[in-house]
Amino acid sequence: MVDRTSGRGAGEPLADRLRQVAKGDEDAFAALYDETAPRVHGLILRVLRNPSQSEEVTQEVYLEVWRGATRFDPSKGSAIGWLLTMAHRRAVDRVRASQSATVRDDTWHARSRDVAFDTTAEQATARIEARRVRSALDGLTQVQREAVSLAYLGGYTHTEVASLLDLPLGTAKTRIRDGLIRLRDQLGVTP
């Protein structure tokens, strides 16, 4: 049942289960897990693309649900939205941690071997390219720059960008697409 006054799913069964989980009800937790685990795991798997890491992160999410169900506030959104947001954040954290470890390893390997090329020229080229991209970003409209920056510099999904900017999903996607087309044109990249 949807609460028509708030527009949120305050009376939804998952919200009720979360309230029971917050009170330590193991049966409610098991039912919540059974009802939501396929979606939660599927989202995590799409982000991580690694089945074993996805299973670990899914387990971490449900541990966090068990420990922190009291933090769920139905006035701020639906229970499934809360769970999927938590799952997405955990998955992105795992990706970033893996990337950081890879960067650390690559940096160590790069510093511990002799450089066989001109790093100064490479650094200068990277700086020039970064300036070109910044200049192209400045050429976007404010709404395009904001949407593109959140999606590609902030790492947010289109759905999260829409939520952060308080826009319909289609509008957020259009702003991102239009911004990318304009960036492509300003940078002189051929499609």
C-alpha atoms as a PDB file:
ATOM      1  CA  MET A   1       0.000   0.000   0.000  1.00  0.00           C
ATOM      2  CA  VAL A   2       1.352   3.431  -0.928  1.00  0.00           C
ATOM      3  CA  ASP A   3       0.970   6.353   1.450  1.00  0.00           C
ATOM      4  CA  ARG A   4      -0.790   8.913  -0.771  1.00  0.00           C
ATOM      5  CA  THR A   5       0.023  11.863   1.508  1.00  0.00           C
ATOM      6  CA  SER A   6       3.791  11.629   1.251  1.00  0.00           C
ATOM      7  CA  GLY A   7       4.083  10.020  -2.158  1.00  0.00           C
ATOM      8  CA  ARG A   8       6.409   7.476  -0.584  1.00  0.00           C
ATOM      9  CA  GLY A   9       5.933   3.797   0.150  1.00  0.00           C
ATOM     10  CA  ALA A  10       5.683   4.227   3.934  1.00  0.00           C
ATOM     11  CA  GLY A  11       3.163   1.399   4.211  1.00  0.00           C
ATOM     12  CA  GLU A  12       4.903  -0.983   1.850  1.00  0.00           C
ATOM     13  CA  PRO A  13       5.649  -4.541   3.030  1.00  0.00           C
ATOM     14  CA  LEU A  14       9.440  -4.114   2.727  1.00  0.00           C
ATOM     15  CA  ALA A  15       9.317  -1.005   4.911  1.00  0.00           C
ATOM     16  CA  ASP A  16       7.344  -2.996   7.479  1.00  0.00           C
ATOM     17  CA  ARG A  17       9.918  -5.793   7.308  1.00  0.00           C
ATOM     18  CA  LEU A  18      12.745  -3.311   7.833  1.00  0.00           C
ATOM     19  CA  ARG A  19      10.995  -1.965  10.927  1.00  0.00           C
ATOM     20  CA  GLN A  20      10.761  -5.539  12.230  1.00  0.00           C
ATOM     21  CA  VAL A  21      14.432  -6.166  11.385  1.00  0.00           C
ATOM     22  CA  ALA A  22      15.315  -3.020  13.329  1.00  0.00           C
ATOM     23  CA  LYS A  23      13.690  -4.693  16.342  1.00  0.00           C
ATOM     24  CA  GLY A  24      15.867  -7.793  15.864  1.00  0.00           C
ATOM     25  CA  ASP A  25      13.274 -10.038  14.163  1.00  0.00           C
ATOM     26  CA  GLU A  26      15.304 -12.769  12.427  1.00  0.00           C
ATOM     27  CA  ASP A  27      12.295 -14.134  10.530  1.00  0.00           C
ATOM     28  CA  ALA A  28      11.588 -10.693   9.070  1.00  0.00           C
ATOM     29  CA  PHE A  29      15.249 -10.424   8.072  1.00  0.00           C
ATOM     30  CA  ALA A  30      15.092 -13.819   6.335  1.00  0.00           C
ATOM     31  CA  ALA A  31      11.931 -12.790   4.476  1.00  0.00           C
ATOM     32  CA  LEU A  32      13.488  -9.447   3.504  1.00  0.00           C
ATOM     33  CA  TYR A  33      16.577 -11.255   2.239  1.00  0.00           C
ATOM     34  CA  ASP A  34      14.528 -13.748   0.221  1.00  0.00           C
ATOM     35  CA  GLU A  35      12.485 -10.956  -1.374  1.00  0.00           C
ATOM     36  CA  THR A  36      15.341  -8.581  -2.199  1.00  0.00           C
ATOM     37  CA  ALA A  37      18.581 -10.568  -2.572  1.00  0.00           C
ATOM     38  CA  PRO A  38      18.210 -11.269  -6.314  1.00  0.00           C
ATOM     39  CA  ARG A  39      17.873  -7.550  -7.127  1.00  0.00           C
ATOM     40  CA  VAL A  40      20.565  -6.468  -4.688  1.00  0.00           C
ATOM     41  CA  HIS A  41      23.019  -9.119  -5.891  1.00  0.00           C
ATOM     42  CA  GLY A  42      22.180  -8.398  -9.542  1.00  0.00           C
ATOM     43  CA  LEU A  43      22.930  -4.694  -9.115  1.00  0.00           C
ATOM     44  CA  ILE A  44      26.211  -5.430  -7.358  1.00  0.00           C
ATOM     45  CA  LEU A  45      27.197  -7.972 -10.015  1.00  0.00           C
ATOM     46  CA  ARG A  46      26.524  -5.420 -12.781  1.00  0.00           C
ATOM     47  CA  VAL A  47      28.845  -2.951 -11.062  1.00  0.00           C
ATOM     48  CA  LEU A  48      31.630  -5.352 -10.062  1.00  0.00           C
ATOM     49  CA  ARG A  49      31.432  -7.928 -12.881  1.00  0.00           C
ATOM     50  CA  ASN A  50      33.083 -10.422 -10.551  1.00  0.00           C
ATOM     51  CA  PRO A  51      30.839 -13.135  -9.069  1.00  0.00           C
ATOM     52  CA  SER A  52      32.922 -13.883  -5.975  1.00  0.00           C
ATOM     53  CA  GLN A  53      33.397 -10.207  -5.071  1.00  0.00           C
ATOM     54  CA  SER A  54      29.692  -9.615  -5.749  1.00  0.00           C
ATOM     55  CA  GLU A  55      28.775 -12.334  -3.266  1.00  0.00           C
ATOM     56  CA  GLU A  56      31.047 -10.763  -0.641  1.00  0.00           C
ATOM     57  CA  VAL A  57      29.612  -7.305  -1.158  1.00  0.00           C
ATOM     58  CA  THR A  58      26.046  -8.651  -1.075  1.00  0.00           C
ATOM     59  CA  GLN A  59      26.842 -10.285   2.257  1.00  0.00           C
ATOM     60  CA  GLU A  60      28.286  -6.980   3.532  1.00  0.00           C
ATOM     61  CA  VAL A  61      25.139  -5.125   2.477  1.00  0.00           C
ATOM     62  CA  TYR A  62      22.855  -7.506   4.345  1.00  0.00           C
ATOM     63  CA  LEU A  63      25.106  -7.369   7.397  1.00  0.00           C
ATOM     64  CA  GLU A  64      24.789  -3.588   7.245  1.00  0.00           C
ATOM     65  CA  VAL A  65      20.989  -3.950   6.899  1.00  0.00           C
ATOM     66  CA  TRP A  66      20.864  -6.183   9.971  1.00  0.00           C
ATOM     67  CA  ARG A  67      22.984  -3.781  12.003  1.00  0.00           C
ATOM     68  CA  GLY A  68      21.542  -0.543  10.690  1.00  0.00           C
ATOM     69  CA  ALA A  69      17.883  -1.128   9.827  1.00  0.00           C
ATOM     70  CA  THR A  70      16.981   1.571  12.358  1.00  0.00           C
ATOM     71  CA  ARG A  71      18.491   4.148   9.965  1.00  0.00           C
ATOM     72  CA  PHE A  72      15.829   3.444   7.331  1.00  0.00           C
ATOM     73  CA  ASP A  73      13.417   6.379   7.083  1.00  0.00           C
ATOM     74  CA  PRO A  74      10.345   5.649   4.949  1.00  0.00           C
ATOM     75  CA  SER A  75       9.661   9.381   4.594  1.00  0.00           C
ATOM     76  CA  LYS A  76      12.870   9.696   2.535  1.00  0.00           C
ATOM     77  CA  GLY A  77      12.175   6.882   0.090  1.00  0.00           C
ATOM     78  CA  SER A  78      11.187   3.294  -0.465  1.00  0.00           C
ATOM     79  CA  ALA A  79      12.764   0.335   1.276  1.00  0.00           C
ATOM     80  CA  ILE A  80      13.985  -1.188  -1.984  1.00  0.00           C
ATOM     81  CA  GLY A  81      15.465   2.172  -2.947  1.00  0.00           C
ATOM     82  CA  TRP A  82      17.304   2.312   0.381  1.00  0.00           C
ATOM     83  CA  LEU A  83      18.642  -1.224  -0.102  1.00  0.00           C
ATOM     84  CA  LEU A  84      19.699  -0.675  -3.714  1.00  0.00           C
ATOM     85  CA  THR A  85      21.377   2.639  -2.867  1.00  0.00           C
ATOM     86  CA  MET A  86      23.318   0.924  -0.110  1.00  0.00           C
ATOM     87  CA  ALA A  87      24.243  -1.926  -2.471  1.00  0.00           C
ATOM     88  CA  HIS A  88      25.365   0.435  -5.224  1.00  0.00           C
ATOM     89  CA  ARG A  89      27.493   2.475  -2.841  1.00  0.00           C
ATOM     90  CA  ARG A  90      29.155  -0.648  -1.449  1.00  0.00           C
ATOM     91  CA  ALA A  91      29.826  -1.963  -4.956  1.00  0.00           C
ATOM     92  CA  VAL A  92      31.300   1.353  -6.100  1.00  0.00           C
ATOM     93  CA  ASP A  93      33.442   1.456  -2.941  1.00  0.00           C
ATOM     94  CA  ARG A  94      34.749  -2.009  -3.823  1.00  0.00           C
ATOM     95  CA  VAL A  95      35.526  -0.936  -7.399  1.00  0.00           C
ATOM     96  CA  ARG A  96      37.357   2.130  -6.137  1.00  0.00           C
ATOM     97  CA  ALA A  97      39.303   0.073  -3.603  1.00  0.00           C
ATOM     98  CA  SER A  98      40.308  -2.384  -6.333  1.00  0.00           C
ATOM     99  CA  GLN A  99      41.305   0.459  -8.623  1.00  0.00           C
ATOM    100  CA  SER A 100      43.332   2.075  -5.855  1.00  0.00           C
ATOM    101  CA  ALA A 101      45.163  -1.178  -5.199  1.00  0.00           C
ATOM    102  CA  THR A 102      45.865  -1.557  -8.913  1.00  0.00           C
ATOM    103  CA  VAL A 103      47.106   2.032  -9.144  1.00  0.00           C
ATOM    104  CA  ARG A 104      49.340   1.509  -6.098  1.00  0.00           C
ATOM    105  CA  ASP A 105      50.786  -1.657  -7.611  1.00  0.00           C
ATOM    106  CA  ASP A 106      51.249  -0.057 -11.019  1.00  0.00           C
ATOM    107  CA  THR A 107      52.850   3.019  -9.462  1.00  0.00           C
ATOM    108  CA  TRP A 108      55.251   0.903  -7.458  1.00  0.00           C
ATOM    109  CA  HIS A 109      56.192  -1.145 -10.526  1.00  0.00           C
ATOM    110  CA  ALA A 110      56.618   1.978 -12.649  1.00  0.00           C
ATOM    111  CA  ARG A 111      58.858   3.644 -10.073  1.00  0.00           C
ATOM    112  CA  SER A 112      60.972   0.587  -9.502  1.00  0.00           C
ATOM    113  CA  ARG A 113      62.057   0.167 -13.122  1.00  0.00           C
ATOM    114  CA  ASP A 114      64.111   2.310 -15.452  1.00  0.00           C
ATOM    115  CA  VAL A 115      62.158   4.708 -17.609  1.00  0.00           C
ATOM    116  CA  ALA A 116      62.777   4.016 -21.278  1.00  0.00           C
ATOM    117  CA  PHE A 117      60.841   6.999 -22.622  1.00  0.00           C
ATOM    118  CA  ASP A 118      60.569  10.737 -22.181  1.00  0.00           C
ATOM    119  CA  THR A 119      58.208  11.243 -19.231  1.00  0.00           C
ATOM    120  CA  THR A 120      58.416  15.018 -19.502  1.00  0.00           C
ATOM    121  CA  ALA A 121      56.859  15.011 -22.967  1.00  0.00           C
ATOM    122  CA  GLU A 122      54.167  12.589 -21.815  1.00  0.00           C
ATOM    123  CA  GLN A 123      53.322  14.751 -18.770  1.00  0.00           C
ATOM    124  CA  ALA A 124      53.163  17.870 -20.936  1.00  0.00           C
ATOM    125  CA  THR A 125      50.802  16.131 -23.353  1.00  0.00           C
ATOM    126  CA  ALA A 126      48.570  14.977 -20.479  1.00  0.00           C
ATOM    127  CA  ARG A 127      48.409  18.533 -19.093  1.00  0.00           C
ATOM    128  CA  ILE A 128      47.522  19.951 -22.497  1.00  0.00           C
ATOM    129  CA  GLU A 129      44.747  17.361 -22.913  1.00  0.00           C
ATOM    130  CA  ALA A 130      43.426  18.095 -19.407  1.00  0.00           C
ATOM    131  CA  ARG A 131      43.307  21.825 -20.248  1.00  0.00           C
ATOM    132  CA  ARG A 132      41.419  21.057 -23.479  1.00  0.00           C
ATOM    133  CA  VAL A 133      38.840  19.000 -21.589  1.00  0.00           C
ATOM    134  CA  ARG A 134      38.418  21.674 -18.880  1.00  0.00           C
ATOM    135  CA  SER A 135      37.980  24.316 -21.575  1.00  0.00           C
ATOM    136  CA  ALA A 136      35.418  22.153 -23.367  1.00  0.00           C
ATOM    137  CA  LEU A 137      33.533  21.614 -20.097  1.00  0.00           C
ATOM    138  CA  ASP A 138      33.418  25.388 -19.638  1.00  0.00           C
ATOM    139  CA  GLY A 139      31.717  25.579 -23.042  1.00  0.00           C
ATOM    140  CA  LEU A 140      28.727  23.552 -21.835  1.00  0.00           C
ATOM    141  CA  THR A 141      25.608  25.082 -20.383  1.00  0.00           C
ATOM    142  CA  GLN A 142      25.459  25.068 -16.584  1.00  0.00           C
ATOM    143  CA  VAL A 143      22.858  22.255 -16.509  1.00  0.00           C
ATOM    144  CA  GLN A 144      24.838  20.128 -18.982  1.00  0.00           C
ATOM    145  CA  ARG A 145      28.127  20.685 -17.128  1.00  0.00           C
ATOM    146  CA  GLU A 146      26.500  19.756 -13.828  1.00  0.00           C
ATOM    147  CA  ALA A 147      24.939  16.558 -15.198  1.00  0.00           C
ATOM    148  CA  VAL A 148      28.077  15.468 -17.105  1.00  0.00           C
ATOM    149  CA  SER A 149      30.333  16.244 -14.133  1.00  0.00           C
ATOM    150  CA  LEU A 150      28.190  14.195 -11.747  1.00  0.00           C
ATOM    151  CA  ALA A 151      27.998  11.269 -14.167  1.00  0.00           C
ATOM    152  CA  TYR A 152      31.574  11.139 -15.430  1.00  0.00           C
ATOM    153  CA  LEU A 153      33.682  12.936 -12.857  1.00  0.00           C
ATOM    154  CA  GLY A 154      31.555  12.072  -9.828  1.00  0.00           C
ATOM    155  CA  GLY A 155      30.936   8.452 -10.817  1.00  0.00           C
ATOM    156  CA  TYR A 156      27.153   8.598 -10.345  1.00  0.00           C
ATOM    157  CA  THR A 157      24.698   6.562 -12.388  1.00  0.00           C
ATOM    158  CA  HIS A 158      22.067   8.315 -14.509  1.00  0.00           C
ATOM    159  CA  THR A 159      19.448   7.441 -11.882  1.00  0.00           C
ATOM    160  CA  GLU A 160      21.583   8.931  -9.120  1.00  0.00           C
ATOM    161  CA  VAL A 161      22.230  12.076 -11.195  1.00  0.00           C
ATOM    162  CA  ALA A 162      18.466  12.466 -11.688  1.00  0.00           C
ATOM    163  CA  SER A 163      17.918  12.068  -7.968  1.00  0.00           C
ATOM    164  CA  LEU A 164      20.704  14.475  -7.005  1.00  0.00           C
ATOM    165  CA  LEU A 165      19.452  17.124  -9.436  1.00  0.00           C
ATOM    166  CA  ASP A 166      15.795  16.425  -8.564  1.00  0.00           C
ATOM    167  CA  LEU A 167      14.960  15.720 -12.219  1.00  0.00           C
ATOM    168  CA  PRO A 168      13.058  13.022 -14.073  1.00  0.00           C
ATOM    169  CA  LEU A 169      15.421  10.282 -15.267  1.00  0.00           C
ATOM    170  CA  GLY A 170      14.787  11.073 -18.945  1.00  0.00           C
ATOM    171  CA  THR A 171      15.683  14.725 -18.446  1.00  0.00           C
ATOM    172  CA  ALA A 172      18.923  13.822 -16.670  1.00  0.00           C
ATOM    173  CA  LYS A 173      19.854  11.396 -19.463  1.00  0.00           C
ATOM    174  CA  THR A 174      19.102  14.047 -22.091  1.00  0.00           C
ATOM    175  CA  ARG A 175      21.283  16.617 -20.354  1.00  0.00           C
ATOM    176  CA  ILE A 176      24.142  14.125 -20.094  1.00  0.00           C
ATOM    177  CA  ARG A 177      23.781  13.043 -23.739  1.00  0.00           C
ATOM    178  CA  ASP A 178      23.549  16.617 -25.026  1.00  0.00           C
ATOM    179  CA  GLY A 179      26.549  17.609 -22.911  1.00  0.00           C
ATOM    180  CA  LEU A 180      28.616  14.709 -24.256  1.00  0.00           C
ATOM    181  CA  ILE A 181      27.683  15.567 -27.842  1.00  0.00           C
ATOM    182  CA  ARG A 182      28.716  19.161 -27.276  1.00  0.00           C
ATOM    183  CA  LEU A 183      31.978  18.044 -25.619  1.00  0.00           C
ATOM    184  CA  ARG A 184      32.708  15.756 -28.558  1.00  0.00           C
ATOM    185  CA  ASP A 185      32.119  18.598 -31.008  1.00  0.00           C
ATOM    186  CA  GLN A 186      34.271  21.045 -29.020  1.00  0.00           C
ATOM    187  CA  LEU A 187      37.111  18.540 -28.729  1.00  0.00           C
ATOM    188  CA  GLY A 188      36.915  17.702 -32.426  1.00  0.00           C
ATOM    189  CA  VAL A 189      36.354  13.985 -31.841  1.00  0.00           C
ATOM    190  CA  THR A 190      34.637  12.130 -34.667  1.00  0.00           C
ATOM    191  CA  PRO A 191      31.815   9.746 -33.694  1.00  0.00           C
END
